PDB file of all heavy atoms in Angstrom:
ATOM      1  N   THR A   1      23.035  23.748 -11.186  1.00  0.00           N
ATOM      2  CA  THR A   1      22.405  22.430 -11.490  1.00  0.00           C
ATOM      3  C   THR A   1      20.961  22.682 -11.217  1.00  0.00           C
ATOM      4  O   THR A   1      20.217  21.967 -11.858  1.00  0.00           O
ATOM      5  CB  THR A   1      23.209  21.429 -10.692  1.00  0.00           C
ATOM      6  OG1 THR A   1      24.503  21.420 -11.190  1.00  0.00           O
ATOM      7  CG2 THR A   1      22.576  20.118 -10.938  1.00  0.00           C
ATOM      8  N   SER A   2      20.651  23.289 -10.145  1.00  0.00           N
ATOM      9  CA  SER A   2      19.104  23.431  -9.796  1.00  0.00           C
ATOM     10  C   SER A   2      18.606  24.453 -10.871  1.00  0.00           C
ATOM     11  O   SER A   2      19.037  25.498 -11.141  1.00  0.00           O
ATOM     12  CB  SER A   2      18.954  24.070  -8.501  1.00  0.00           C
ATOM     13  OG  SER A   2      17.641  24.363  -8.129  1.00  0.00           O
ATOM     14  N   TYR A   3      17.351  23.979 -11.418  1.00  0.00           N
ATOM     15  CA  TYR A   3      16.599  24.942 -12.117  1.00  0.00           C
ATOM     16  C   TYR A   3      15.215  25.100 -11.477  1.00  0.00           C
ATOM     17  O   TYR A   3      14.085  25.124 -12.129  1.00  0.00           O
ATOM     18  CB  TYR A   3      16.443  24.341 -13.598  1.00  0.00           C
ATOM     19  CG  TYR A   3      16.099  25.436 -14.614  1.00  0.00           C
ATOM     20  CD1 TYR A   3      16.936  26.419 -14.941  1.00  0.00           C
ATOM     21  CD2 TYR A   3      14.871  25.307 -15.276  1.00  0.00           C
ATOM     22  CE1 TYR A   3      16.584  27.357 -15.875  1.00  0.00           C
ATOM     23  CE2 TYR A   3      14.507  26.383 -16.295  1.00  0.00           C
ATOM     24  CZ  TYR A   3      15.356  27.319 -16.573  1.00  0.00           C
ATOM     25  OH  TYR A   3      15.033  28.164 -17.497  1.00  0.00           O
ATOM     26  N   ASP A   4      15.266  25.318 -10.157  1.00  0.00           N
ATOM     27  CA  ASP A   4      14.035  25.470  -9.377  1.00  0.00           C
ATOM     28  C   ASP A   4      13.100  26.496  -9.901  1.00  0.00           C
ATOM     29  O   ASP A   4      11.890  26.371  -9.997  1.00  0.00           O
ATOM     30  CB  ASP A   4      14.420  25.570  -7.884  1.00  0.00           C
ATOM     31  CG  ASP A   4      13.130  25.629  -7.091  1.00  0.00           C
ATOM     32  OD1 ASP A   4      12.677  24.606  -6.694  1.00  0.00           O
ATOM     33  OD2 ASP A   4      12.634  26.746  -6.732  1.00  0.00           O
ATOM     34  N   TYR A   5      13.632  27.718 -10.113  1.00  0.00           N
ATOM     35  CA  TYR A   5      12.815  28.881 -10.720  1.00  0.00           C
ATOM     36  C   TYR A   5      11.857  29.455  -9.901  1.00  0.00           C
ATOM     37  O   TYR A   5      10.903  30.193 -10.215  1.00  0.00           O
ATOM     38  CB  TYR A   5      12.306  28.360 -12.132  1.00  0.00           C
ATOM     39  CG  TYR A   5      12.466  29.438 -13.132  1.00  0.00           C
ATOM     40  CD1 TYR A   5      13.556  29.457 -14.041  1.00  0.00           C
ATOM     41  CD2 TYR A   5      11.498  30.455 -13.251  1.00  0.00           C
ATOM     42  CE1 TYR A   5      13.692  30.394 -14.998  1.00  0.00           C
ATOM     43  CE2 TYR A   5      11.588  31.371 -14.401  1.00  0.00           C
ATOM     44  CZ  TYR A   5      12.797  31.312 -15.272  1.00  0.00           C
ATOM     45  OH  TYR A   5      13.021  32.360 -15.973  1.00  0.00           O
ATOM     46  N   ASP A   6      11.796  29.053  -8.531  1.00  0.00           N
ATOM     47  CA  ASP A   6      10.716  29.433  -7.627  1.00  0.00           C
ATOM     48  C   ASP A   6       9.405  29.014  -8.241  1.00  0.00           C
ATOM     49  O   ASP A   6       8.415  29.844  -8.064  1.00  0.00           O
ATOM     50  CB  ASP A   6      10.876  30.958  -7.152  1.00  0.00           C
ATOM     51  CG  ASP A   6       9.979  31.318  -6.109  1.00  0.00           C
ATOM     52  OD1 ASP A   6       9.870  30.539  -5.167  1.00  0.00           O
ATOM     53  OD2 ASP A   6       9.372  32.557  -6.170  1.00  0.00           O
ATOM     54  N   ALA A   7       9.262  27.960  -8.819  1.00  0.00           N
ATOM     55  CA  ALA A   7       8.059  27.498  -9.526  1.00  0.00           C
ATOM     56  C   ALA A   7       7.003  27.088  -8.458  1.00  0.00           C
ATOM     57  O   ALA A   7       7.383  26.544  -7.493  1.00  0.00           O
ATOM     58  CB  ALA A   7       8.438  26.424 -10.581  1.00  0.00           C
ATOM     59  N   PRO A   8       5.761  26.923  -8.925  1.00  0.00           N
ATOM     60  CA  PRO A   8       4.733  26.444  -8.107  1.00  0.00           C
ATOM     61  C   PRO A   8       4.938  24.824  -7.752  1.00  0.00           C
ATOM     62  O   PRO A   8       4.391  24.524  -6.483  1.00  0.00           O
ATOM     63  CB  PRO A   8       3.438  26.424  -9.033  1.00  0.00           C
ATOM     64  CG  PRO A   8       3.693  27.517  -9.875  1.00  0.00           C
ATOM     65  CD  PRO A   8       5.270  27.375 -10.289  1.00  0.00           C
ATOM     66  N   ILE A   9       5.628  24.132  -8.457  1.00  0.00           N
ATOM     67  CA  ILE A   9       6.010  22.790  -8.052  1.00  0.00           C
ATOM     68  C   ILE A   9       7.695  22.852  -8.091  1.00  0.00           C
ATOM     69  O   ILE A   9       8.270  23.185  -9.074  1.00  0.00           O
ATOM     70  CB  ILE A   9       5.540  21.608  -9.004  1.00  0.00           C
ATOM     71  CG1 ILE A   9       4.142  21.714  -9.269  1.00  0.00           C
ATOM     72  CG2 ILE A   9       6.120  20.352  -8.552  1.00  0.00           C
ATOM     73  CD1 ILE A   9       3.587  20.749 -10.255  1.00  0.00           C
ATOM     74  N   ASP A  10       8.134  22.658  -6.870  1.00  0.00           N
ATOM     75  CA  ASP A  10       9.583  22.868  -6.676  1.00  0.00           C
ATOM     76  C   ASP A  10      10.414  21.724  -7.453  1.00  0.00           C
ATOM     77  O   ASP A  10       9.994  20.845  -7.980  1.00  0.00           O
ATOM     78  CB  ASP A  10      10.037  22.963  -5.262  1.00  0.00           C
ATOM     79  CG  ASP A  10      10.051  21.625  -4.494  1.00  0.00           C
ATOM     80  OD1 ASP A  10       9.978  20.601  -5.097  1.00  0.00           O
ATOM     81  OD2 ASP A  10      10.242  21.673  -3.280  1.00  0.00           O
ATOM     82  N   GLU A  11      11.828  21.947  -7.406  1.00  0.00           N
ATOM     83  CA  GLU A  11      12.784  21.175  -8.085  1.00  0.00           C
ATOM     84  C   GLU A  11      12.511  19.621  -7.858  1.00  0.00           C
ATOM     85  O   GLU A  11      12.796  18.792  -8.615  1.00  0.00           O
ATOM     86  CB  GLU A  11      14.122  21.465  -7.757  1.00  0.00           C
ATOM     87  CG  GLU A  11      15.185  20.661  -8.320  1.00  0.00           C
ATOM     88  CD  GLU A  11      16.687  20.971  -7.897  1.00  0.00           C
ATOM     89  OE1 GLU A  11      16.867  21.925  -7.051  1.00  0.00           O
ATOM     90  OE2 GLU A  11      17.611  20.263  -8.565  1.00  0.00           O
ATOM     91  N   TYR A  12      12.073  19.271  -6.668  1.00  0.00           N
ATOM     92  CA  TYR A  12      12.033  17.966  -6.214  1.00  0.00           C
ATOM     93  C   TYR A  12      10.528  17.326  -6.457  1.00  0.00           C
ATOM     94  O   TYR A  12      10.317  16.158  -6.095  1.00  0.00           O
ATOM     95  CB  TYR A  12      12.276  17.783  -4.694  1.00  0.00           C
ATOM     96  CG  TYR A  12      13.694  18.192  -4.362  1.00  0.00           C
ATOM     97  CD1 TYR A  12      14.035  19.602  -4.176  1.00  0.00           C
ATOM     98  CD2 TYR A  12      14.685  17.322  -4.219  1.00  0.00           C
ATOM     99  CE1 TYR A  12      15.325  20.065  -3.967  1.00  0.00           C
ATOM    100  CE2 TYR A  12      16.068  17.839  -4.038  1.00  0.00           C
ATOM    101  CZ  TYR A  12      16.355  19.025  -3.681  1.00  0.00           C
ATOM    102  OH  TYR A  12      17.564  19.370  -3.625  1.00  0.00           O
ATOM    103  N   GLY A  13       9.705  18.285  -7.110  1.00  0.00           N
ATOM    104  CA  GLY A  13       8.366  17.732  -7.282  1.00  0.00           C
ATOM    105  C   GLY A  13       7.384  18.015  -6.105  1.00  0.00           C
ATOM    106  O   GLY A  13       6.146  17.437  -6.183  1.00  0.00           O
ATOM    107  N   LEU A  14       7.803  18.655  -5.114  1.00  0.00           N
ATOM    108  CA  LEU A  14       6.916  19.163  -4.109  1.00  0.00           C
ATOM    109  C   LEU A  14       6.067  20.353  -4.288  1.00  0.00           C
ATOM    110  O   LEU A  14       6.685  21.296  -4.992  1.00  0.00           O
ATOM    111  CB  LEU A  14       7.610  19.155  -2.781  1.00  0.00           C
ATOM    112  CG  LEU A  14       8.409  18.087  -2.248  1.00  0.00           C
ATOM    113  CD1 LEU A  14       9.278  18.381  -1.115  1.00  0.00           C
ATOM    114  CD2 LEU A  14       7.386  16.872  -1.870  1.00  0.00           C
ATOM    115  N   ILE A  15       4.887  20.413  -3.905  1.00  0.00           N
ATOM    116  CA  ILE A  15       4.121  21.706  -4.091  1.00  0.00           C
ATOM    117  C   ILE A  15       4.637  22.857  -3.275  1.00  0.00           C
ATOM    118  O   ILE A  15       4.936  22.655  -2.118  1.00  0.00           O
ATOM    119  CB  ILE A  15       2.648  21.480  -3.744  1.00  0.00           C
ATOM    120  CG1 ILE A  15       1.964  20.535  -4.867  1.00  0.00           C
ATOM    121  CG2 ILE A  15       1.859  22.660  -3.551  1.00  0.00           C
ATOM    122  CD1 ILE A  15       0.619  20.099  -4.448  1.00  0.00           C
ATOM    123  N   ARG A  16       4.853  23.916  -3.884  1.00  0.00           N
ATOM    124  CA  ARG A  16       5.365  25.164  -3.126  1.00  0.00           C
ATOM    125  C   ARG A  16       4.187  26.024  -2.884  1.00  0.00           C
ATOM    126  O   ARG A  16       3.509  26.571  -3.798  1.00  0.00           O
ATOM    127  CB  ARG A  16       6.445  25.941  -4.004  1.00  0.00           C
ATOM    128  CG  ARG A  16       6.750  27.146  -3.461  1.00  0.00           C
ATOM    129  CD  ARG A  16       7.900  27.895  -4.267  1.00  0.00           C
ATOM    130  NE  ARG A  16       9.194  27.402  -3.798  1.00  0.00           N
ATOM    131  CZ  ARG A  16      10.002  26.703  -4.726  1.00  0.00           C
ATOM    132  NH1 ARG A  16       9.718  26.611  -5.907  1.00  0.00           N
ATOM    133  NH2 ARG A  16      11.263  26.257  -4.262  1.00  0.00           N
ATOM    134  N   GLN A  17       3.916  26.215  -1.459  1.00  0.00           N
ATOM    135  CA  GLN A  17       2.874  27.074  -1.138  1.00  0.00           C
ATOM    136  C   GLN A  17       3.430  28.330  -0.464  1.00  0.00           C
ATOM    137  O   GLN A  17       4.494  28.282   0.122  1.00  0.00           O
ATOM    138  CB  GLN A  17       2.011  26.437  -0.044  1.00  0.00           C
ATOM    139  CG  GLN A  17       1.317  25.071  -0.499  1.00  0.00           C
ATOM    140  CD  GLN A  17       0.026  25.448  -1.411  1.00  0.00           C
ATOM    141  OE1 GLN A  17       0.061  26.502  -2.085  1.00  0.00           O
ATOM    142  NE2 GLN A  17      -0.820  24.470  -1.518  1.00  0.00           N
ATOM    143  N   PRO A  18       2.801  29.502  -0.667  1.00  0.00           N
ATOM    144  CA  PRO A  18       1.473  29.643  -1.191  1.00  0.00           C
ATOM    145  C   PRO A  18       1.348  29.803  -2.577  1.00  0.00           C
ATOM    146  O   PRO A  18       0.319  30.076  -3.168  1.00  0.00           O
ATOM    147  CB  PRO A  18       1.009  30.918  -0.431  1.00  0.00           C
ATOM    148  CG  PRO A  18       2.206  31.625  -0.413  1.00  0.00           C
ATOM    149  CD  PRO A  18       3.275  30.835  -0.079  1.00  0.00           C
ATOM    150  N   LYS A  19       2.493  29.831  -3.524  1.00  0.00           N
ATOM    151  CA  LYS A  19       2.293  30.069  -4.899  1.00  0.00           C
ATOM    152  C   LYS A  19       1.359  29.076  -5.592  1.00  0.00           C
ATOM    153  O   LYS A  19       0.595  29.573  -6.451  1.00  0.00           O
ATOM    154  CB  LYS A  19       3.765  29.956  -5.424  1.00  0.00           C
ATOM    155  CG  LYS A  19       3.856  30.398  -6.888  1.00  0.00           C
ATOM    156  CD  LYS A  19       5.362  30.660  -7.367  1.00  0.00           C
ATOM    157  CE  LYS A  19       5.675  31.995  -6.936  1.00  0.00           C
ATOM    158  NZ  LYS A  19       7.057  32.460  -7.464  1.00  0.00           N
ATOM    159  N   TYR A  20       1.576  27.833  -5.374  1.00  0.00           N
ATOM    160  CA  TYR A  20       0.607  26.797  -6.080  1.00  0.00           C
ATOM    161  C   TYR A  20      -0.785  27.100  -5.736  1.00  0.00           C
ATOM    162  O   TYR A  20      -1.697  27.200  -6.629  1.00  0.00           O
ATOM    163  CB  TYR A  20       1.091  25.387  -5.558  1.00  0.00           C
ATOM    164  CG  TYR A  20       0.221  24.328  -6.286  1.00  0.00           C
ATOM    165  CD1 TYR A  20       0.571  23.626  -7.420  1.00  0.00           C
ATOM    166  CD2 TYR A  20      -0.966  23.869  -5.497  1.00  0.00           C
ATOM    167  CE1 TYR A  20      -0.124  22.601  -7.857  1.00  0.00           C
ATOM    168  CE2 TYR A  20      -1.669  22.824  -6.053  1.00  0.00           C
ATOM    169  CZ  TYR A  20      -1.337  22.253  -7.224  1.00  0.00           C
ATOM    170  OH  TYR A  20      -2.005  21.140  -7.741  1.00  0.00           O
ATOM    171  N   GLY A  21      -1.180  27.185  -4.552  1.00  0.00           N
ATOM    172  CA  GLY A  21      -2.481  27.346  -4.147  1.00  0.00           C
ATOM    173  C   GLY A  21      -3.172  28.576  -4.521  1.00  0.00           C
ATOM    174  O   GLY A  21      -4.401  28.696  -4.835  1.00  0.00           O
ATOM    175  N   HIS A  22      -2.416  29.732  -4.441  1.00  0.00           N
ATOM    176  CA  HIS A  22      -2.927  31.024  -4.767  1.00  0.00           C
ATOM    177  C   HIS A  22      -3.190  31.108  -6.221  1.00  0.00           C
ATOM    178  O   HIS A  22      -4.292  31.665  -6.694  1.00  0.00           O
ATOM    179  CB  HIS A  22      -1.944  32.196  -4.271  1.00  0.00           C
ATOM    180  CG  HIS A  22      -2.481  33.352  -4.345  1.00  0.00           C
ATOM    181  ND1 HIS A  22      -3.684  33.820  -3.699  1.00  0.00           N
ATOM    182  CD2 HIS A  22      -2.124  34.687  -4.999  1.00  0.00           C
ATOM    183  CE1 HIS A  22      -3.910  35.092  -3.960  1.00  0.00           C
ATOM    184  NE2 HIS A  22      -2.972  35.685  -4.740  1.00  0.00           N
ATOM    185  N   LEU A  23      -2.369  30.583  -7.059  1.00  0.00           N
ATOM    186  CA  LEU A  23      -2.618  30.609  -8.565  1.00  0.00           C
ATOM    187  C   LEU A  23      -3.782  29.535  -8.797  1.00  0.00           C
ATOM    188  O   LEU A  23      -4.554  29.941  -9.764  1.00  0.00           O
ATOM    189  CB  LEU A  23      -1.337  30.018  -9.238  1.00  0.00           C
ATOM    190  CG  LEU A  23      -0.217  31.054  -9.288  1.00  0.00           C
ATOM    191  CD1 LEU A  23       0.986  30.496  -9.901  1.00  0.00           C
ATOM    192  CD2 LEU A  23      -0.487  32.354  -9.769  1.00  0.00           C
ATOM    193  N   LYS A  24      -3.941  28.446  -8.217  1.00  0.00           N
ATOM    194  CA  LYS A  24      -5.102  27.648  -8.279  1.00  0.00           C
ATOM    195  C   LYS A  24      -6.385  28.336  -8.107  1.00  0.00           C
ATOM    196  O   LYS A  24      -7.299  28.281  -8.828  1.00  0.00           O
ATOM    197  CB  LYS A  24      -4.938  26.411  -7.288  1.00  0.00           C
ATOM    198  CG  LYS A  24      -6.095  25.496  -7.408  1.00  0.00           C
ATOM    199  CD  LYS A  24      -5.835  24.380  -6.482  1.00  0.00           C
ATOM    200  CE  LYS A  24      -7.013  23.254  -6.616  1.00  0.00           C
ATOM    201  NZ  LYS A  24      -6.988  22.055  -5.686  1.00  0.00           N
ATOM    202  N   ASP A  25      -6.468  29.245  -6.933  1.00  0.00           N
ATOM    203  CA  ASP A  25      -7.584  29.945  -6.753  1.00  0.00           C
ATOM    204  C   ASP A  25      -7.805  31.014  -7.841  1.00  0.00           C
ATOM    205  O   ASP A  25      -8.864  31.308  -8.135  1.00  0.00           O
ATOM    206  CB  ASP A  25      -7.351  30.578  -5.361  1.00  0.00           C
ATOM    207  CG  ASP A  25      -7.512  29.697  -4.241  1.00  0.00           C
ATOM    208  OD1 ASP A  25      -7.854  28.531  -4.324  1.00  0.00           O
ATOM    209  OD2 ASP A  25      -6.971  30.042  -3.056  1.00  0.00           O
ATOM    210  N   LEU A  26      -6.756  31.603  -8.354  1.00  0.00           N
ATOM    211  CA  LEU A  26      -6.857  32.504  -9.332  1.00  0.00           C
ATOM    212  C   LEU A  26      -7.528  31.871 -10.692  1.00  0.00           C
ATOM    213  O   LEU A  26      -8.361  32.441 -11.379  1.00  0.00           O
ATOM    214  CB  LEU A  26      -5.556  33.144  -9.825  1.00  0.00           C
ATOM    215  CG  LEU A  26      -5.321  33.943 -11.121  1.00  0.00           C
ATOM    216  CD1 LEU A  26      -6.177  35.189 -10.941  1.00  0.00           C
ATOM    217  CD2 LEU A  26      -3.894  34.264 -11.422  1.00  0.00           C
ATOM    218  N   HIS A  27      -7.032  30.657 -10.975  1.00  0.00           N
ATOM    219  CA  HIS A  27      -7.486  29.996 -12.008  1.00  0.00           C
ATOM    220  C   HIS A  27      -9.035  29.692 -12.094  1.00  0.00           C
ATOM    221  O   HIS A  27      -9.768  29.865 -12.941  1.00  0.00           O
ATOM    222  CB  HIS A  27      -6.738  28.580 -12.295  1.00  0.00           C
ATOM    223  CG  HIS A  27      -5.283  28.820 -12.442  1.00  0.00           C
ATOM    224  ND1 HIS A  27      -4.356  27.871 -12.217  1.00  0.00           N
ATOM    225  CD2 HIS A  27      -4.540  29.883 -12.907  1.00  0.00           C
ATOM    226  CE1 HIS A  27      -3.019  28.297 -12.311  1.00  0.00           C
ATOM    227  NE2 HIS A  27      -3.192  29.536 -12.861  1.00  0.00           N
ATOM    228  N   LYS A  28      -9.457  29.312 -10.777  1.00  0.00           N
ATOM    229  CA  LYS A  28     -10.894  29.056 -10.534  1.00  0.00           C
ATOM    230  C   LYS A  28     -11.728  30.262 -10.704  1.00  0.00           C
ATOM    231  O   LYS A  28     -12.848  30.209 -11.365  1.00  0.00           O
ATOM    232  CB  LYS A  28     -10.939  28.413  -9.118  1.00  0.00           C
ATOM    233  CG  LYS A  28     -12.398  27.991  -8.865  1.00  0.00           C
ATOM    234  CD  LYS A  28     -12.487  27.442  -7.364  1.00  0.00           C
ATOM    235  CE  LYS A  28     -13.928  27.045  -7.152  1.00  0.00           C
ATOM    236  NZ  LYS A  28     -13.949  26.350  -5.723  1.00  0.00           N
ATOM    237  N   ALA A  29     -11.168  31.434 -10.190  1.00  0.00           N
ATOM    238  CA  ALA A  29     -11.883  32.631 -10.315  1.00  0.00           C
ATOM    239  C   ALA A  29     -12.032  33.015 -11.883  1.00  0.00           C
ATOM    240  O   ALA A  29     -12.991  33.472 -12.181  1.00  0.00           O
ATOM    241  CB  ALA A  29     -11.201  33.681  -9.527  1.00  0.00           C
ATOM    242  N   ILE A  30     -10.970  32.895 -12.506  1.00  0.00           N
ATOM    243  CA  ILE A  30     -10.970  33.274 -14.017  1.00  0.00           C
ATOM    244  C   ILE A  30     -11.854  32.420 -14.697  1.00  0.00           C
ATOM    245  O   ILE A  30     -12.759  32.864 -15.545  1.00  0.00           O
ATOM    246  CB  ILE A  30      -9.631  33.319 -14.624  1.00  0.00           C
ATOM    247  CG1 ILE A  30      -8.632  34.368 -14.021  1.00  0.00           C
ATOM    248  CG2 ILE A  30      -9.579  33.412 -16.048  1.00  0.00           C
ATOM    249  CD1 ILE A  30      -9.070  35.703 -14.254  1.00  0.00           C
ATOM    250  N   LYS A  31     -11.884  31.110 -14.493  1.00  0.00           N
ATOM    251  CA  LYS A  31     -12.711  30.202 -15.215  1.00  0.00           C
ATOM    252  C   LYS A  31     -14.236  30.533 -14.911  1.00  0.00           C
ATOM    253  O   LYS A  31     -15.026  30.281 -15.826  1.00  0.00           O
ATOM    254  CB  LYS A  31     -12.477  28.773 -14.748  1.00  0.00           C
ATOM    255  CG  LYS A  31     -10.971  28.155 -15.300  1.00  0.00           C
ATOM    256  CD  LYS A  31     -11.115  28.030 -16.820  1.00  0.00           C
ATOM    257  CE  LYS A  31      -9.717  27.332 -17.170  1.00  0.00           C
ATOM    258  NZ  LYS A  31      -9.599  27.085 -18.502  1.00  0.00           N
ATOM    259  N   SER A  32     -14.471  31.027 -13.667  1.00  0.00           N
ATOM    260  CA  SER A  32     -15.989  31.415 -13.490  1.00  0.00           C
ATOM    261  C   SER A  32     -16.280  32.628 -14.280  1.00  0.00           C
ATOM    262  O   SER A  32     -17.506  32.935 -14.422  1.00  0.00           O
ATOM    263  CB  SER A  32     -16.070  31.815 -11.983  1.00  0.00           C
ATOM    264  OG  SER A  32     -15.303  32.846 -11.665  1.00  0.00           O
ATOM    265  N   CYS A  33     -15.372  33.348 -14.754  1.00  0.00           N
ATOM    266  CA  CYS A  33     -15.755  34.529 -15.646  1.00  0.00           C
ATOM    267  C   CYS A  33     -15.549  34.248 -17.189  1.00  0.00           C
ATOM    268  O   CYS A  33     -15.789  35.137 -18.026  1.00  0.00           O
ATOM    269  CB  CYS A  33     -14.655  35.623 -15.418  1.00  0.00           C
ATOM    270  SG  CYS A  33     -14.595  36.193 -13.622  1.00  0.00           S
ATOM    271  N   GLU A  34     -15.209  33.003 -17.630  1.00  0.00           N
ATOM    272  CA  GLU A  34     -14.812  32.594 -18.939  1.00  0.00           C
ATOM    273  C   GLU A  34     -15.874  33.048 -19.967  1.00  0.00           C
ATOM    274  O   GLU A  34     -15.354  33.701 -21.044  1.00  0.00           O
ATOM    275  CB  GLU A  34     -14.434  31.077 -18.997  1.00  0.00           C
ATOM    276  CG  GLU A  34     -13.875  30.737 -20.345  1.00  0.00           C
ATOM    277  CD  GLU A  34     -13.387  29.238 -20.351  1.00  0.00           C
ATOM    278  OE1 GLU A  34     -13.912  28.420 -19.515  1.00  0.00           O
ATOM    279  OE2 GLU A  34     -12.564  29.032 -21.122  1.00  0.00           O
ATOM    280  N   LYS A  35     -17.111  32.790 -19.849  1.00  0.00           N
ATOM    281  CA  LYS A  35     -17.981  33.130 -20.709  1.00  0.00           C
ATOM    282  C   LYS A  35     -18.156  34.530 -20.994  1.00  0.00           C
ATOM    283  O   LYS A  35     -18.196  35.088 -22.165  1.00  0.00           O
ATOM    284  CB  LYS A  35     -19.600  32.671 -20.339  1.00  0.00           C
ATOM    285  CG  LYS A  35     -20.510  32.624 -21.297  1.00  0.00           C
ATOM    286  CD  LYS A  35     -21.844  31.917 -20.882  1.00  0.00           C
ATOM    287  CE  LYS A  35     -22.867  32.072 -21.991  1.00  0.00           C
ATOM    288  NZ  LYS A  35     -24.111  31.305 -21.504  1.00  0.00           N
ATOM    289  N   ALA A  36     -18.091  35.349 -19.929  1.00  0.00           N
ATOM    290  CA  ALA A  36     -18.129  36.894 -20.241  1.00  0.00           C
ATOM    291  C   ALA A  36     -16.902  37.415 -20.818  1.00  0.00           C
ATOM    292  O   ALA A  36     -16.920  38.151 -21.755  1.00  0.00           O
ATOM    293  CB  ALA A  36     -18.405  37.590 -18.865  1.00  0.00           C
ATOM    294  N   LEU A  37     -15.674  36.849 -20.555  1.00  0.00           N
ATOM    295  CA  LEU A  37     -14.517  37.468 -20.851  1.00  0.00           C
ATOM    296  C   LEU A  37     -14.330  37.022 -22.456  1.00  0.00           C
ATOM    297  O   LEU A  37     -13.723  37.796 -23.189  1.00  0.00           O
ATOM    298  CB  LEU A  37     -13.208  36.711 -20.226  1.00  0.00           C
ATOM    299  CG  LEU A  37     -13.218  36.979 -18.730  1.00  0.00           C
ATOM    300  CD1 LEU A  37     -11.977  36.283 -18.134  1.00  0.00           C
ATOM    301  CD2 LEU A  37     -13.098  38.412 -18.556  1.00  0.00           C
ATOM    302  N   LEU A  38     -14.850  35.945 -22.906  1.00  0.00           N
ATOM    303  CA  LEU A  38     -14.662  35.489 -24.337  1.00  0.00           C
ATOM    304  C   LEU A  38     -15.816  35.934 -25.193  1.00  0.00           C
ATOM    305  O   LEU A  38     -15.713  35.752 -26.452  1.00  0.00           O
ATOM    306  CB  LEU A  38     -14.514  34.007 -24.416  1.00  0.00           C
ATOM    307  CG  LEU A  38     -13.197  33.395 -23.682  1.00  0.00           C
ATOM    308  CD1 LEU A  38     -13.300  31.955 -23.710  1.00  0.00           C
ATOM    309  CD2 LEU A  38     -12.073  33.936 -24.309  1.00  0.00           C
ATOM    310  N   ASN A  39     -16.852  36.522 -24.777  1.00  0.00           N
ATOM    311  CA  ASN A  39     -18.032  37.046 -25.580  1.00  0.00           C
ATOM    312  C   ASN A  39     -18.199  38.491 -25.474  1.00  0.00           C
ATOM    313  O   ASN A  39     -19.292  38.899 -25.959  1.00  0.00           O
ATOM    314  CB  ASN A  39     -19.295  36.198 -25.200  1.00  0.00           C
ATOM    315  CG  ASN A  39     -19.074  34.910 -25.650  1.00  0.00           C
ATOM    316  OD1 ASN A  39     -19.198  34.453 -26.745  1.00  0.00           O
ATOM    317  ND2 ASN A  39     -18.764  33.909 -24.715  1.00  0.00           N
ATOM    318  N   ALA A  40     -17.365  39.286 -24.882  1.00  0.00           N
ATOM    319  CA  ALA A  40     -17.537  40.707 -24.806  1.00  0.00           C
ATOM    320  C   ALA A  40     -16.151  41.388 -24.848  1.00  0.00           C
ATOM    321  O   ALA A  40     -15.107  40.854 -24.472  1.00  0.00           O
ATOM    322  CB  ALA A  40     -18.291  41.034 -23.457  1.00  0.00           C
ATOM    323  N   ASP A  41     -16.173  42.681 -25.300  1.00  0.00           N
ATOM    324  CA  ASP A  41     -14.894  43.313 -25.262  1.00  0.00           C
ATOM    325  C   ASP A  41     -15.000  44.208 -24.025  1.00  0.00           C
ATOM    326  O   ASP A  41     -15.935  44.597 -23.541  1.00  0.00           O
ATOM    327  CB  ASP A  41     -14.818  44.351 -26.511  1.00  0.00           C
ATOM    328  CG  ASP A  41     -14.695  43.547 -27.776  1.00  0.00           C
ATOM    329  OD1 ASP A  41     -14.103  42.613 -27.845  1.00  0.00           O
ATOM    330  OD2 ASP A  41     -15.462  44.075 -28.846  1.00  0.00           O
ATOM    331  N   PRO A  42     -13.821  44.386 -23.369  1.00  0.00           N
ATOM    332  CA  PRO A  42     -13.677  45.100 -22.072  1.00  0.00           C
ATOM    333  C   PRO A  42     -13.903  46.605 -22.313  1.00  0.00           C
ATOM    334  O   PRO A  42     -13.506  47.184 -23.236  1.00  0.00           O
ATOM    335  CB  PRO A  42     -12.340  44.750 -21.665  1.00  0.00           C
ATOM    336  CG  PRO A  42     -11.533  44.597 -22.777  1.00  0.00           C
ATOM    337  CD  PRO A  42     -12.444  43.838 -23.796  1.00  0.00           C
TER     338      PRO A  42
END
């Protein structure tokens, strides 16, 4: 019945740390690279 999936937000709607926060930091880091990533080939 539970489909929790070890997701960043758990089955009950609570933030699961450190998964949520670490991914949030990843997203921020990637967004800071966005211009270079989308205008150059690696």
